């Protein structure tokens, strides 16, 4: 992220160079941190005695993690090759593909 708040993207023809591997590592760390934060937020939201200050704190951290994760998704999306082939259907193991009930 630039000082002006604009996203920075890595432009390279190789996914095997040092900077590409470093970017992949940073992205993996950001996604792992978001996952850990999500677990913490779930625990906090299940705590009836959670204070408004604690809830605001976790909400702020969740917003930061979501912004990082969206930036990772956008960056990775730009690196994917676009095809006319539709993606494979989900295998039914994903929570989002389960019927509500």
PDB file of N, CA and C in Angstrom:
ATOM      1  N   UNK A   1       0.848  -1.163   0.000  1.00  0.00           N
ATOM      2  CA  UNK A   1       0.000   0.000   0.000  1.00  0.00           C
ATOM      3  C   UNK A   1       0.898   1.232   0.000  1.00  0.00           C
ATOM      4  N   UNK A   2       0.562   2.160  -0.857  1.00  0.00           N
ATOM      5  CA  UNK A   2       1.357   3.378  -0.935  1.00  0.00           C
ATOM      6  C   UNK A   2       0.993   4.306   0.229  1.00  0.00           C
ATOM      7  N   UNK A   3       1.808   5.337   0.487  1.00  0.00           N
ATOM      8  CA  UNK A   3       1.483   6.299   1.542  1.00  0.00           C
ATOM      9  C   UNK A   3       0.135   6.998   1.307  1.00  0.00           C
ATOM     10  N   UNK A   4      -0.298   7.050   0.047  1.00  0.00           N
ATOM     11  CA  UNK A   4      -1.584   7.676  -0.279  1.00  0.00           C
ATOM     12  C   UNK A   4      -2.751   6.705  -0.122  1.00  0.00           C
ATOM     13  N   UNK A   5      -2.461   5.455   0.280  1.00  0.00           N
ATOM     14  CA  UNK A   5      -3.514   4.465   0.466  1.00  0.00           C
ATOM     15  C   UNK A   5      -3.872   3.696  -0.787  1.00  0.00           C
ATOM     16  N   UNK A   6      -3.075   3.844  -1.837  1.00  0.00           N
ATOM     17  CA  UNK A   6      -3.349   3.129  -3.080  1.00  0.00           C
ATOM     18  C   UNK A   6      -2.669   1.760  -3.048  1.00  0.00           C
ATOM     19  N   UNK A   7      -3.337   0.728  -3.592  1.00  0.00           N
ATOM     20  CA  UNK A   7      -2.725  -0.606  -3.569  1.00  0.00           C
ATOM     21  C   UNK A   7      -1.507  -0.668  -4.466  1.00  0.00           C
ATOM     22  N   UNK A   8      -0.578  -1.515  -4.078  1.00  0.00           N
ATOM     23  CA  UNK A   8       0.627  -1.765  -4.870  1.00  0.00           C
ATOM     24  C   UNK A   8       0.569  -3.192  -5.373  1.00  0.00           C
ATOM     25  N   UNK A   9       0.862  -3.384  -6.655  1.00  0.00           N
ATOM     26  CA  UNK A   9       0.809  -4.706  -7.260  1.00  0.00           C
ATOM     27  C   UNK A   9       2.176  -5.065  -7.823  1.00  0.00           C
ATOM     28  N   UNK A  10       2.490  -6.346  -7.770  1.00  0.00           N
ATOM     29  CA  UNK A  10       3.735  -6.854  -8.303  1.00  0.00           C
ATOM     30  C   UNK A  10       3.514  -7.248  -9.760  1.00  0.00           C
ATOM     31  N   UNK A  11       4.282  -6.629 -10.647  1.00  0.00           N
ATOM     32  CA  UNK A  11       4.183  -6.952 -12.074  1.00  0.00           C
ATOM     33  C   UNK A  11       5.416  -7.756 -12.459  1.00  0.00           C
ATOM     34  N   UNK A  12       5.187  -9.020 -12.839  1.00  0.00           N
ATOM     35  CA  UNK A  12       6.297  -9.893 -13.204  1.00  0.00           C
ATOM     36  C   UNK A  12       5.824 -10.938 -14.196  1.00  0.00           C
ATOM     37  N   UNK A  13       6.737 -11.450 -14.980  1.00  0.00           N
ATOM     38  CA  UNK A  13       6.406 -12.516 -15.916  1.00  0.00           C
ATOM     39  C   UNK A  13       6.675 -13.890 -15.311  1.00  0.00           C
ATOM     40  N   UNK A  14       7.229 -13.917 -14.102  1.00  0.00           N
ATOM     41  CA  UNK A  14       7.603 -15.185 -13.477  1.00  0.00           C
ATOM     42  C   UNK A  14       6.973 -15.296 -12.099  1.00  0.00           C
ATOM     43  N   UNK A  15       6.435 -16.465 -11.799  1.00  0.00           N
ATOM     44  CA  UNK A  15       5.899 -16.716 -10.465  1.00  0.00           C
ATOM     45  C   UNK A  15       6.946 -17.353  -9.563  1.00  0.00           C
ATOM     46  N   UNK A  16       8.179 -17.493 -10.071  1.00  0.00           N
ATOM     47  CA  UNK A  16       9.200 -18.202  -9.332  1.00  0.00           C
ATOM     48  C   UNK A  16      10.328 -17.294  -8.846  1.00  0.00           C
ATOM     49  N   UNK A  17      10.257 -16.011  -9.153  1.00  0.00           N
ATOM     50  CA  UNK A  17      11.302 -15.091  -8.727  1.00  0.00           C
ATOM     51  C   UNK A  17      11.180 -14.769  -7.245  1.00  0.00           C
ATOM     52  N   UNK A  18      12.224 -14.148  -6.708  1.00  0.00           N
ATOM     53  CA  UNK A  18      12.260 -13.819  -5.283  1.00  0.00           C
ATOM     54  C   UNK A  18      11.071 -12.969  -4.876  1.00  0.00           C
ATOM     55  N   UNK A  19      10.775 -11.897  -5.630  1.00  0.00           N
ATOM     56  CA  UNK A  19       9.683 -11.008  -5.249  1.00  0.00           C
ATOM     57  C   UNK A  19       8.328 -11.709  -5.319  1.00  0.00           C
ATOM     58  N   UNK A  20       8.128 -12.559  -6.308  1.00  0.00           N
ATOM     59  CA  UNK A  20       6.866 -13.303  -6.410  1.00  0.00           C
ATOM     60  C   UNK A  20       6.704 -14.251  -5.228  1.00  0.00           C
ATOM     61  N   UNK A  21       7.778 -14.937  -4.878  1.00  0.00           N
ATOM     62  CA  UNK A  21       7.717 -15.857  -3.730  1.00  0.00           C
ATOM     63  C   UNK A  21       7.501 -15.083  -2.433  1.00  0.00           C
ATOM     64  N   UNK A  22       8.157 -13.932  -2.307  1.00  0.00           N
ATOM     65  CA  UNK A  22       7.983 -13.104  -1.119  1.00  0.00           C
ATOM     66  C   UNK A  22       6.544 -12.597  -1.022  1.00  0.00           C
ATOM     67  N   UNK A  23       5.987 -12.145  -2.150  1.00  0.00           N
ATOM     68  CA  UNK A  23       4.595 -11.686  -2.169  1.00  0.00           C
ATOM     69  C   UNK A  23       3.645 -12.819  -1.795  1.00  0.00           C
ATOM     70  N   UNK A  24       3.901 -14.016  -2.315  1.00  0.00           N
ATOM     71  CA  UNK A  24       3.075 -15.176  -1.961  1.00  0.00           C
ATOM     72  C   UNK A  24       3.154 -15.455  -0.463  1.00  0.00           C
ATOM     73  N   UNK A  25       4.343 -15.329   0.101  1.00  0.00           N
ATOM     74  CA  UNK A  25       4.524 -15.555   1.542  1.00  0.00           C
ATOM     75  C   UNK A  25       3.744 -14.517   2.349  1.00  0.00           C
ATOM     76  N   UNK A  26       3.861 -13.249   1.971  1.00  0.00           N
ATOM     77  CA  UNK A  26       3.148 -12.183   2.683  1.00  0.00           C
ATOM     78  C   UNK A  26       1.641 -12.418   2.593  1.00  0.00           C
ATOM     79  N   UNK A  27       1.159 -12.792   1.414  1.00  0.00           N
ATOM     80  CA  UNK A  27      -0.266 -13.076   1.246  1.00  0.00           C
ATOM     81  C   UNK A  27      -0.698 -14.236   2.138  1.00  0.00           C
ATOM     82  N   UNK A  28       0.102 -15.276   2.218  1.00  0.00           N
ATOM     83  CA  UNK A  28      -0.233 -16.428   3.055  1.00  0.00           C
ATOM     84  C   UNK A  28      -0.291 -16.028   4.525  1.00  0.00           C
ATOM     85  N   UNK A  29       0.640 -15.191   4.961  1.00  0.00           N
ATOM     86  CA  UNK A  29       0.634 -14.709   6.343  1.00  0.00           C
ATOM     87  C   UNK A  29      -0.627 -13.882   6.605  1.00  0.00           C
ATOM     88  N   UNK A  30      -0.990 -13.004   5.675  1.00  0.00           N
ATOM     89  CA  UNK A  30      -2.187 -12.176   5.850  1.00  0.00           C
ATOM     90  C   UNK A  30      -3.439 -13.042   5.954  1.00  0.00           C
ATOM     91  N   UNK A  31      -3.545 -14.057   5.115  1.00  0.00           N
ATOM     92  CA  UNK A  31      -4.720 -14.933   5.145  1.00  0.00           C
ATOM     93  C   UNK A  31      -4.733 -15.740   6.444  1.00  0.00           C
ATOM     94  N   UNK A  32      -3.584 -16.216   6.894  1.00  0.00           N
ATOM     95  CA  UNK A  32      -3.516 -16.957   8.151  1.00  0.00           C
ATOM     96  C   UNK A  32      -3.908 -16.064   9.330  1.00  0.00           C
ATOM     97  N   UNK A  33      -3.429 -14.831   9.325  1.00  0.00           N
ATOM     98  CA  UNK A  33      -3.783 -13.896  10.395  1.00  0.00           C
ATOM     99  C   UNK A  33      -5.285 -13.607  10.388  1.00  0.00           C
ATOM    100  N   UNK A  34      -5.866 -13.487   9.196  1.00  0.00           N
ATOM    101  CA  UNK A  34      -7.311 -13.251   9.095  1.00  0.00           C
ATOM    102  C   UNK A  34      -8.084 -14.432   9.665  1.00  0.00           C
ATOM    103  N   UNK A  35      -7.623 -15.637   9.394  1.00  0.00           N
ATOM    104  CA  UNK A  35      -8.279 -16.834   9.908  1.00  0.00           C
ATOM    105  C   UNK A  35      -8.218 -16.880  11.433  1.00  0.00           C
ATOM    106  N   UNK A  36      -7.059 -16.573  11.984  1.00  0.00           N
ATOM    107  CA  UNK A  36      -6.890 -16.543  13.439  1.00  0.00           C
ATOM    108  C   UNK A  36      -7.779 -15.476  14.055  1.00  0.00           C
ATOM    109  N   UNK A  37      -7.827 -14.313  13.438  1.00  0.00           N
ATOM    110  CA  UNK A  37      -8.666 -13.226  13.925  1.00  0.00           C
ATOM    111  C   UNK A  37     -10.141 -13.604  13.878  1.00  0.00           C
ATOM    112  N   UNK A  38     -10.557 -14.275  12.829  1.00  0.00           N
ATOM    113  CA  UNK A  38     -11.947 -14.709  12.710  1.00  0.00           C
ATOM    114  C   UNK A  38     -12.309 -15.657  13.855  1.00  0.00           C
ATOM    115  N   UNK A  39     -11.414 -16.574  14.182  1.00  0.00           N
ATOM    116  CA  UNK A  39     -11.659 -17.475  15.315  1.00  0.00           C
ATOM    117  C   UNK A  39     -11.812 -16.679  16.613  1.00  0.00           C
ATOM    118  N   UNK A  40     -10.945 -15.697  16.805  1.00  0.00           N
ATOM    119  CA  UNK A  40     -11.015 -14.854  18.009  1.00  0.00           C
ATOM    120  C   UNK A  40     -12.329 -14.072  18.044  1.00  0.00           C
ATOM    121  N   UNK A  41     -12.734 -13.540  16.905  1.00  0.00           N
ATOM    122  CA  UNK A  41     -13.979 -12.770  16.847  1.00  0.00           C
ATOM    123  C   UNK A  41     -15.178 -13.651  17.193  1.00  0.00           C
ATOM    124  N   UNK A  42     -15.182 -14.882  16.688  1.00  0.00           N
ATOM    125  CA  UNK A  42     -16.272 -15.815  17.016  1.00  0.00           C
ATOM    126  C   UNK A  42     -16.361 -16.039  18.524  1.00  0.00           C
ATOM    127  N   UNK A  43     -15.211 -16.262  19.147  1.00  0.00           N
ATOM    128  CA  UNK A  43     -15.186 -16.472  20.593  1.00  0.00           C
ATOM    129  C   UNK A  43     -15.695 -15.242  21.330  1.00  0.00           C
ATOM    130  N   UNK A  44     -15.244 -14.067  20.911  1.00  0.00           N
ATOM    131  CA  UNK A  44     -15.647 -12.829  21.566  1.00  0.00           C
ATOM    132  C   UNK A  44     -17.143 -12.580  21.409  1.00  0.00           C
ATOM    133  N   UNK A  45     -17.682 -12.842  20.226  1.00  0.00           N
ATOM    134  CA  UNK A  45     -19.113 -12.622  20.009  1.00  0.00           C
ATOM    135  C   UNK A  45     -19.970 -13.604  20.802  1.00  0.00           C
ATOM    136  N   UNK A  46     -19.414 -14.741  21.168  1.00  0.00           N
ATOM    137  CA  UNK A  46     -20.134 -15.706  21.996  1.00  0.00           C
ATOM    138  C   UNK A  46     -20.009 -15.408  23.485  1.00  0.00           C
ATOM    139  N   UNK A  47     -19.209 -14.409  23.819  1.00  0.00           N
ATOM    140  CA  UNK A  47     -18.991 -14.023  25.212  1.00  0.00           C
ATOM    141  C   UNK A  47     -19.994 -12.927  25.606  1.00  0.00           C
ATOM    142  N   UNK A  48     -20.981 -13.257  26.451  1.00  0.00           N
ATOM    143  CA  UNK A  48     -22.005 -12.263  26.809  1.00  0.00           C
ATOM    144  C   UNK A  48     -21.443 -11.035  27.521  1.00  0.00           C
ATOM    145  N   UNK A  49     -20.295 -11.171  28.168  1.00  0.00           N
ATOM    146  CA  UNK A  49     -19.729 -10.052  28.918  1.00  0.00           C
ATOM    147  C   UNK A  49     -18.718  -9.246  28.102  1.00  0.00           C
ATOM    148  N   UNK A  50     -18.649  -9.471  26.798  1.00  0.00           N
ATOM    149  CA  UNK A  50     -17.723  -8.702  25.951  1.00  0.00           C
ATOM    150  C   UNK A  50     -18.113  -7.226  26.008  1.00  0.00           C
ATOM    151  N   UNK A  51     -17.133  -6.394  26.211  1.00  0.00           N
ATOM    152  CA  UNK A  51     -17.399  -4.949  26.329  1.00  0.00           C
ATOM    153  C   UNK A  51     -17.503  -4.310  24.944  1.00  0.00           C
ATOM    154  N   UNK A  52     -18.168  -3.153  24.875  1.00  0.00           N
ATOM    155  CA  UNK A  52     -18.214  -2.429  23.602  1.00  0.00           C
ATOM    156  C   UNK A  52     -16.822  -2.103  23.072  1.00  0.00           C
ATOM    157  N   UNK A  53     -15.889  -1.809  23.981  1.00  0.00           N
ATOM    158  CA  UNK A  53     -14.517  -1.503  23.557  1.00  0.00           C
ATOM    159  C   UNK A  53     -13.872  -2.726  22.893  1.00  0.00           C
ATOM    160  N   UNK A  54     -14.056  -3.906  23.488  1.00  0.00           N
ATOM    161  CA  UNK A  54     -13.509  -5.131  22.905  1.00  0.00           C
ATOM    162  C   UNK A  54     -14.142  -5.414  21.546  1.00  0.00           C
ATOM    163  N   UNK A  55     -15.447  -5.218  21.444  1.00  0.00           N
ATOM    164  CA  UNK A  55     -16.146  -5.465  20.181  1.00  0.00           C
ATOM    165  C   UNK A  55     -15.700  -4.492  19.099  1.00  0.00           C
ATOM    166  N   UNK A  56     -15.526  -3.212  19.458  1.00  0.00           N
ATOM    167  CA  UNK A  56     -15.019  -2.234  18.478  1.00  0.00           C
ATOM    168  C   UNK A  56     -13.610  -2.594  18.030  1.00  0.00           C
ATOM    169  N   UNK A  57     -12.780  -3.030  18.983  1.00  0.00           N
ATOM    170  CA  UNK A  57     -11.408  -3.404  18.654  1.00  0.00           C
ATOM    171  C   UNK A  57     -11.398  -4.555  17.652  1.00  0.00           C
ATOM    172  N   UNK A  58     -12.161  -5.613  17.941  1.00  0.00           N
ATOM    173  CA  UNK A  58     -12.163  -6.767  17.037  1.00  0.00           C
ATOM    174  C   UNK A  58     -12.797  -6.398  15.697  1.00  0.00           C
ATOM    175  N   UNK A  59     -13.805  -5.522  15.703  1.00  0.00           N
ATOM    176  CA  UNK A  59     -14.414  -5.092  14.436  1.00  0.00           C
ATOM    177  C   UNK A  59     -13.402  -4.323  13.589  1.00  0.00           C
ATOM    178  N   UNK A  60     -12.597  -3.496  14.217  1.00  0.00           N
ATOM    179  CA  UNK A  60     -11.567  -2.743  13.493  1.00  0.00           C
ATOM    180  C   UNK A  60     -10.530  -3.690  12.900  1.00  0.00           C
ATOM    181  N   UNK A  61     -10.090  -4.666  13.692  1.00  0.00           N
ATOM    182  CA  UNK A  61      -9.113  -5.633  13.187  1.00  0.00           C
ATOM    183  C   UNK A  61      -9.714  -6.479  12.068  1.00  0.00           C
ATOM    184  N   UNK A  62     -10.999  -6.840  12.176  1.00  0.00           N
ATOM    185  CA  UNK A  62     -11.657  -7.598  11.106  1.00  0.00           C
ATOM    186  C   UNK A  62     -11.707  -6.788   9.812  1.00  0.00           C
ATOM    187  N   UNK A  63     -11.979  -5.481   9.926  1.00  0.00           N
ATOM    188  CA  UNK A  63     -11.987  -4.626   8.729  1.00  0.00           C
ATOM    189  C   UNK A  63     -10.611  -4.603   8.082  1.00  0.00           C
ATOM    190  N   UNK A  64      -9.563  -4.517   8.879  1.00  0.00           N
ATOM    191  CA  UNK A  64      -8.208  -4.520   8.330  1.00  0.00           C
ATOM    192  C   UNK A  64      -7.897  -5.851   7.649  1.00  0.00           C
ATOM    193  N   UNK A  65      -8.282  -6.948   8.302  1.00  0.00           N
ATOM    194  CA  UNK A  65      -8.032  -8.266   7.726  1.00  0.00           C
ATOM    195  C   UNK A  65      -8.824  -8.461   6.440  1.00  0.00           C
ATOM    196  N   UNK A  66     -10.056  -7.981   6.413  1.00  0.00           N
ATOM    197  CA  UNK A  66     -10.865  -8.091   5.200  1.00  0.00           C
ATOM    198  C   UNK A  66     -10.246  -7.281   4.068  1.00  0.00           C
ATOM    199  N   UNK A  67      -9.756  -6.091   4.374  1.00  0.00           N
ATOM    200  CA  UNK A  67      -9.105  -5.267   3.346  1.00  0.00           C
ATOM    201  C   UNK A  67      -7.871  -5.982   2.795  1.00  0.00           C
ATOM    202  N   UNK A  68      -7.063  -6.578   3.685  1.00  0.00           N
ATOM    203  CA  UNK A  68      -5.882  -7.330   3.234  1.00  0.00           C
ATOM    204  C   UNK A  68      -6.287  -8.517   2.369  1.00  0.00           C
ATOM    205  N   UNK A  69      -7.306  -9.244   2.809  1.00  0.00           N
ATOM    206  CA  UNK A  69      -7.739 -10.434   2.077  1.00  0.00           C
ATOM    207  C   UNK A  69      -8.307 -10.067   0.718  1.00  0.00           C
ATOM    208  N   UNK A  70      -9.059  -8.975   0.638  1.00  0.00           N
ATOM    209  CA  UNK A  70      -9.577  -8.518  -0.657  1.00  0.00           C
ATOM    210  C   UNK A  70      -8.437  -8.105  -1.584  1.00  0.00           C
ATOM    211  N   UNK A  71      -7.424  -7.467  -1.013  1.00  0.00           N
ATOM    212  CA  UNK A  71      -6.270  -7.059  -1.822  1.00  0.00           C
ATOM    213  C   UNK A  71      -5.550  -8.301  -2.368  1.00  0.00           C
ATOM    214  N   UNK A  72      -5.433  -9.346  -1.535  1.00  0.00           N
ATOM    215  CA  UNK A  72      -4.826 -10.602  -1.990  1.00  0.00           C
ATOM    216  C   UNK A  72      -5.656 -11.192  -3.127  1.00  0.00           C
ATOM    217  N   UNK A  73      -6.982 -11.232  -2.940  1.00  0.00           N
ATOM    218  CA  UNK A  73      -7.852 -11.805  -3.975  1.00  0.00           C
ATOM    219  C   UNK A  73      -7.746 -11.018  -5.276  1.00  0.00           C
ATOM    220  N   UNK A  74      -7.734  -9.701  -5.196  1.00  0.00           N
ATOM    221  CA  UNK A  74      -7.617  -8.885  -6.404  1.00  0.00           C
ATOM    222  C   UNK A  74      -6.280  -9.118  -7.079  1.00  0.00           C
ATOM    223  N   UNK A  75      -5.218  -9.173  -6.294  1.00  0.00           N
ATOM    224  CA  UNK A  75      -3.882  -9.386  -6.845  1.00  0.00           C
ATOM    225  C   UNK A  75      -3.786 -10.745  -7.522  1.00  0.00           C
ATOM    226  N   UNK A  76      -4.296 -11.773  -6.868  1.00  0.00           N
ATOM    227  CA  UNK A  76      -4.257 -13.112  -7.449  1.00  0.00           C
ATOM    228  C   UNK A  76      -5.165 -13.198  -8.670  1.00  0.00           C
ATOM    229  N   UNK A  77      -6.297 -12.525  -8.631  1.00  0.00           N
ATOM    230  CA  UNK A  77      -7.207 -12.522  -9.774  1.00  0.00           C
ATOM    231  C   UNK A  77      -6.566 -11.905 -11.000  1.00  0.00           C
ATOM    232  N   UNK A  78      -5.763 -10.884 -10.807  1.00  0.00           N
ATOM    233  CA  UNK A  78      -5.082 -10.263 -11.938  1.00  0.00           C
ATOM    234  C   UNK A  78      -4.009 -11.168 -12.520  1.00  0.00           C
ATOM    235  N   UNK A  79      -3.507 -12.105 -11.718  1.00  0.00           N
ATOM    236  CA  UNK A  79      -2.470 -13.023 -12.198  1.00  0.00           C
ATOM    237  C   UNK A  79      -3.048 -14.235 -12.900  1.00  0.00           C
ATOM    238  N   UNK A  80      -4.351 -14.488 -12.729  1.00  0.00           N
ATOM    239  CA  UNK A  80      -4.978 -15.647 -13.371  1.00  0.00           C
ATOM    240  C   UNK A  80      -5.218 -15.357 -14.837  1.00  0.00           C
ATOM    241  N   UNK A  81      -5.138 -16.376 -15.652  1.00  0.00           N
ATOM    242  CA  UNK A  81      -5.462 -16.200 -17.055  1.00  0.00           C
ATOM    243  C   UNK A  81      -6.970 -16.311 -17.216  1.00  0.00           C
ATOM    244  N   UNK A  82      -7.540 -15.460 -18.005  1.00  0.00           N
ATOM    245  CA  UNK A  82      -8.972 -15.449 -18.224  1.00  0.00           C
ATOM    246  C   UNK A  82      -9.303 -16.422 -19.350  1.00  0.00           C
ATOM    247  N   UNK A  83     -10.292 -17.293 -19.102  1.00  0.00           N
ATOM    248  CA  UNK A  83     -10.735 -18.241 -20.119  1.00  0.00           C
ATOM    249  C   UNK A  83     -12.241 -18.184 -20.219  1.00  0.00           C
ATOM    250  N   UNK A  84     -12.775 -18.754 -21.299  1.00  0.00           N
ATOM    251  CA  UNK A  84     -14.218 -18.823 -21.467  1.00  0.00           C
ATOM    252  C   UNK A  84     -14.817 -20.050 -20.809  1.00  0.00           C
ATOM    253  N   UNK A  85     -13.963 -20.943 -20.277  1.00  0.00           N
ATOM    254  CA  UNK A  85     -14.445 -22.156 -19.636  1.00  0.00           C
ATOM    255  C   UNK A  85     -15.004 -21.829 -18.258  1.00  0.00           C
ATOM    256  N   UNK A  86     -16.199 -22.326 -17.931  1.00  0.00           N
ATOM    257  CA  UNK A  86     -16.740 -22.077 -16.592  1.00  0.00           C
ATOM    258  C   UNK A  86     -15.964 -22.893 -15.562  1.00  0.00           C
ATOM    259  N   UNK A  87     -15.939 -22.432 -14.312  1.00  0.00           N
ATOM    260  CA  UNK A  87     -15.235 -23.193 -13.289  1.00  0.00           C
ATOM    261  C   UNK A  87     -15.979 -24.493 -12.984  1.00  0.00           C
ATOM    262  N   UNK A  88     -15.256 -25.460 -12.430  1.00  0.00           N
ATOM    263  CA  UNK A  88     -15.877 -26.709 -12.021  1.00  0.00           C
ATOM    264  C   UNK A  88     -16.894 -26.426 -10.917  1.00  0.00           C
ATOM    265  N   UNK A  89     -17.990 -27.188 -10.888  1.00  0.00           N
ATOM    266  CA  UNK A  89     -18.982 -26.973  -9.823  1.00  0.00           C
ATOM    267  C   UNK A  89     -18.400 -27.381  -8.476  1.00  0.00           C
ATOM    268  N   UNK A  90     -18.927 -26.785  -7.393  1.00  0.00           N
ATOM    269  CA  UNK A  90     -18.422 -27.157  -6.065  1.00  0.00           C
ATOM    270  C   UNK A  90     -18.711 -28.619  -5.781  1.00  0.00           C
ATOM    271  N   UNK A  91     -17.868 -29.224  -4.937  1.00  0.00           N
ATOM    272  CA  UNK A  91     -18.027 -30.644  -4.627  1.00  0.00           C
ATOM    273  C   UNK A  91     -18.973 -30.907  -3.470  1.00  0.00           C
ATOM    274  N   UNK A  92     -19.577 -29.857  -2.925  1.00  0.00           N
ATOM    275  CA  UNK A  92     -20.534 -30.031  -1.840  1.00  0.00           C
ATOM    276  C   UNK A  92     -19.888 -29.990  -0.470  1.00  0.00           C
ATOM    277  N   UNK A  93     -18.563 -29.853  -0.403  1.00  0.00           N
ATOM    278  CA  UNK A  93     -17.887 -29.801   0.893  1.00  0.00           C
ATOM    279  C   UNK A  93     -17.790 -28.387   1.436  1.00  0.00           C
ATOM    280  N   UNK A  94     -18.106 -27.413   0.646  1.00  0.00           N
ATOM    281  CA  UNK A  94     -18.010 -26.028   1.051  1.00  0.00           C
ATOM    282  C   UNK A  94     -19.277 -25.624   1.783  1.00  0.00           C
ATOM    283  N   UNK A  95     -19.131 -24.909   2.915  1.00  0.00           N
ATOM    284  CA  UNK A  95     -20.305 -24.481   3.670  1.00  0.00           C
ATOM    285  C   UNK A  95     -21.239 -23.625   2.842  1.00  0.00           C
ATOM    286  N   UNK A  96     -20.706 -22.830   1.937  1.00  0.00           N
ATOM    287  CA  UNK A  96     -21.529 -21.923   1.153  1.00  0.00           C
ATOM    288  C   UNK A  96     -22.404 -22.684   0.166  1.00  0.00           C
ATOM    289  N   UNK A  97     -22.048 -23.935  -0.158  1.00  0.00           N
ATOM    290  CA  UNK A  97     -22.823 -24.672  -1.136  1.00  0.00           C
ATOM    291  C   UNK A  97     -23.909 -25.526  -0.473  1.00  0.00           C
ATOM    292  N   UNK A  98     -23.921 -25.544   0.853  1.00  0.00           N
ATOM    293  CA  UNK A  98     -24.909 -26.330   1.575  1.00  0.00           C
ATOM    294  C   UNK A  98     -26.249 -25.580   1.603  1.00  0.00           C
ATOM    295  N   UNK A  99     -27.346 -26.305   1.483  1.00  0.00           N
ATOM    296  CA  UNK A  99     -28.639 -25.650   1.578  1.00  0.00           C
ATOM    297  C   UNK A  99     -28.862 -25.123   2.998  1.00  0.00           C
ATOM    298  N   UNK A 100     -29.541 -23.999   3.085  1.00  0.00           N
ATOM    299  CA  UNK A 100     -29.842 -23.408   4.390  1.00  0.00           C
ATOM    300  C   UNK A 100     -30.872 -24.293   5.102  1.00  0.00           C
ATOM    301  N   UNK A 101     -30.766 -24.343   6.405  1.00  0.00           N
ATOM    302  CA  UNK A 101     -31.758 -25.157   7.089  1.00  0.00           C
ATOM    303  C   UNK A 101     -31.598 -25.251   8.539  1.00  0.00           C
TER     304      UNK A 101
END
